[in-house]
Amino acid sequence: MSADWHTYRTRFLVGAKQLTESVSFTDPLGREHHGRPGDYLVQSSEGLVRVAPREIFEDVYVVLERDEPRSSLRTPGHLQLALAAGNMHI
C-alpha cells in the first residue's frame, strides 16, 4: 500500500434544500426516502431527488453560492406539490 495520501473532492454539482419538516417519498426508481428536519433534499443534475442526512451532507458538500436561487435545478412537480400542500408522504 502506498504511504502517500491524496486530497479528493466530489465532482458533482447538486441542488439542495434543508428540510424543516419530515418527508417520505418513493423516487422514480422505486427507492424509498425518509428525511427529518435538518436533513437535506438533494437533486442531482439528472433530476433525481434523494434525502441526505445532515451530518453526511454537511461533511461532503460546500455551498457555492448563498444569495442566488438556482434556476437550473428545481424540485420535481410531484414533490413540489406535496411539499406545498403539507403532505409529506408521496
C-alpha atoms as a PDB file:
ATOM      1  CA  MET A   1       0.000   0.000   0.000  1.00  0.00           C
ATOM      2  CA  SER A   2       1.268   3.456  -0.885  1.00  0.00           C
ATOM      3  CA  ALA A   3       2.075   5.771   2.025  1.00  0.00           C
ATOM      4  CA  ASP A   4       1.057   8.855   0.014  1.00  0.00           C
ATOM      5  CA  TRP A   5      -2.261  10.486   0.844  1.00  0.00           C
ATOM      6  CA  HIS A   6      -4.190  12.491  -1.751  1.00  0.00           C
ATOM      7  CA  THR A   7      -6.970  15.051  -1.374  1.00  0.00           C
ATOM      8  CA  TYR A   8     -10.247  14.407  -3.223  1.00  0.00           C
ATOM      9  CA  ARG A   9     -13.414  16.354  -3.828  1.00  0.00           C
ATOM     10  CA  THR A  10     -16.780  15.344  -5.177  1.00  0.00           C
ATOM     11  CA  ARG A  11     -17.128  16.021  -8.879  1.00  0.00           C
ATOM     12  CA  PHE A  12     -20.877  16.512  -8.990  1.00  0.00           C
ATOM     13  CA  LEU A  13     -22.854  19.696  -8.513  1.00  0.00           C
ATOM     14  CA  VAL A  14     -26.210  19.287  -6.806  1.00  0.00           C
ATOM     15  CA  GLY A  15     -29.089  21.481  -5.756  1.00  0.00           C
ATOM     16  CA  ALA A  16     -30.216  21.061  -2.158  1.00  0.00           C
ATOM     17  CA  LYS A  17     -32.743  22.359   0.360  1.00  0.00           C
ATOM     18  CA  GLN A  18     -32.574  21.803   4.085  1.00  0.00           C
ATOM     19  CA  LEU A  19     -35.738  20.143   5.394  1.00  0.00           C
ATOM     20  CA  THR A  20     -37.862  21.906   8.007  1.00  0.00           C
ATOM     21  CA  GLU A  21     -40.336  19.010   8.259  1.00  0.00           C
ATOM     22  CA  SER A  22     -40.167  15.225   7.991  1.00  0.00           C
ATOM     23  CA  VAL A  23     -40.536  13.862   4.457  1.00  0.00           C
ATOM     24  CA  SER A  24     -41.076  10.401   2.960  1.00  0.00           C
ATOM     25  CA  PHE A  25     -41.361   9.550  -0.730  1.00  0.00           C
ATOM     26  CA  THR A  26     -40.589   6.917  -3.334  1.00  0.00           C
ATOM     27  CA  ASP A  27     -38.406   8.037  -6.234  1.00  0.00           C
ATOM     28  CA  PRO A  28     -38.990   7.053  -9.889  1.00  0.00           C
ATOM     29  CA  LEU A  29     -36.599   4.112  -9.435  1.00  0.00           C
ATOM     30  CA  GLY A  30     -38.786   2.707  -6.639  1.00  0.00           C
ATOM     31  CA  ARG A  31     -36.434   3.593  -3.768  1.00  0.00           C
ATOM     32  CA  GLU A  32     -37.971   4.896  -0.545  1.00  0.00           C
ATOM     33  CA  HIS A  33     -36.514   8.022   1.024  1.00  0.00           C
ATOM     34  CA  HIS A  34     -37.115   9.370   4.526  1.00  0.00           C
ATOM     35  CA  GLY A  35     -35.805  12.600   5.995  1.00  0.00           C
ATOM     36  CA  ARG A  36     -36.270  14.622   9.144  1.00  0.00           C
ATOM     37  CA  PRO A  37     -35.844  18.315   9.930  1.00  0.00           C
ATOM     38  CA  GLY A  38     -32.217  19.306   9.368  1.00  0.00           C
ATOM     39  CA  ASP A  39     -31.598  16.693   6.653  1.00  0.00           C
ATOM     40  CA  TYR A  40     -31.250  17.807   3.037  1.00  0.00           C
ATOM     41  CA  LEU A  41     -33.389  17.178  -0.037  1.00  0.00           C
ATOM     42  CA  VAL A  42     -30.770  16.772  -2.783  1.00  0.00           C
ATOM     43  CA  GLN A  43     -31.367  16.908  -6.536  1.00  0.00           C
ATOM     44  CA  SER A  44     -28.741  15.606  -8.954  1.00  0.00           C
ATOM     45  CA  SER A  45     -28.076  17.111 -12.355  1.00  0.00           C
ATOM     46  CA  GLU A  46     -30.094  14.207 -13.817  1.00  0.00           C
ATOM     47  CA  GLY A  47     -33.120  15.376 -11.825  1.00  0.00           C
ATOM     48  CA  LEU A  48     -33.224  12.516  -9.311  1.00  0.00           C
ATOM     49  CA  VAL A  49     -34.085  13.563  -5.768  1.00  0.00           C
ATOM     50  CA  ARG A  50     -32.852  11.881  -2.589  1.00  0.00           C
ATOM     51  CA  VAL A  51     -32.537  12.661   1.101  1.00  0.00           C
ATOM     52  CA  ALA A  52     -29.097  13.084   2.652  1.00  0.00           C
ATOM     53  CA  PRO A  53     -28.636  13.044   6.436  1.00  0.00           C
ATOM     54  CA  ARG A  54     -27.418  16.419   7.714  1.00  0.00           C
ATOM     55  CA  GLU A  55     -24.161  15.081   9.141  1.00  0.00           C
ATOM     56  CA  ILE A  56     -23.139  13.442   5.857  1.00  0.00           C
ATOM     57  CA  PHE A  57     -24.328  16.257   3.578  1.00  0.00           C
ATOM     58  CA  GLU A  58     -22.545  18.999   5.529  1.00  0.00           C
ATOM     59  CA  ASP A  59     -19.372  16.910   5.649  1.00  0.00           C
ATOM     60  CA  VAL A  60     -19.327  16.284   1.882  1.00  0.00           C
ATOM     61  CA  TYR A  61     -20.751  19.421   0.245  1.00  0.00           C
ATOM     62  CA  VAL A  62     -19.744  23.079   0.357  1.00  0.00           C
ATOM     63  CA  VAL A  63     -22.195  25.745  -0.799  1.00  0.00           C
ATOM     64  CA  LEU A  64     -21.051  27.607  -3.932  1.00  0.00           C
ATOM     65  CA  GLU A  65     -23.496  30.498  -3.772  1.00  0.00           C
ATOM     66  CA  ARG A  66     -25.714  31.765  -0.997  1.00  0.00           C
ATOM     67  CA  ASP A  67     -27.814  34.617  -2.329  1.00  0.00           C
ATOM     68  CA  GLU A  68     -28.776  33.490  -5.845  1.00  0.00           C
ATOM     69  CA  PRO A  69     -31.510  30.884  -6.355  1.00  0.00           C
ATOM     70  CA  ARG A  70     -30.529  28.014  -8.644  1.00  0.00           C
ATOM     71  CA  SER A  71     -32.860  28.218 -11.604  1.00  0.00           C
ATOM     72  CA  SER A  72     -31.407  25.162 -13.358  1.00  0.00           C
ATOM     73  CA  LEU A  73     -32.341  22.711 -10.580  1.00  0.00           C
ATOM     74  CA  ARG A  74     -35.925  22.534  -9.445  1.00  0.00           C
ATOM     75  CA  THR A  75     -37.913  20.298  -7.145  1.00  0.00           C
ATOM     76  CA  PRO A  76     -39.824  17.804  -9.322  1.00  0.00           C
ATOM     77  CA  GLY A  77     -43.514  18.603  -9.677  1.00  0.00           C
ATOM     78  CA  HIS A  78     -44.779  15.669  -7.624  1.00  0.00           C
ATOM     79  CA  LEU A  79     -42.538  16.659  -4.686  1.00  0.00           C
ATOM     80  CA  GLN A  80     -43.194  20.371  -5.064  1.00  0.00           C
ATOM     81  CA  LEU A  81     -46.972  19.887  -4.976  1.00  0.00           C
ATOM     82  CA  ALA A  82     -46.789  17.584  -1.983  1.00  0.00           C
ATOM     83  CA  LEU A  83     -44.425  19.851  -0.061  1.00  0.00           C
ATOM     84  CA  ALA A  84     -46.557  22.926  -0.802  1.00  0.00           C
ATOM     85  CA  ALA A  85     -49.706  21.131   0.323  1.00  0.00           C
ATOM     86  CA  GLY A  86     -48.042  19.981   3.533  1.00  0.00           C
ATOM     87  CA  ASN A  87     -48.477  16.312   2.589  1.00  0.00           C
ATOM     88  CA  MET A  88     -45.075  14.795   3.157  1.00  0.00           C
ATOM     89  CA  HIS A  89     -45.976  11.251   2.039  1.00  0.00           C
ATOM     90  CA  ILE A  90     -45.714  10.986  -1.722  1.00  0.00           C
END
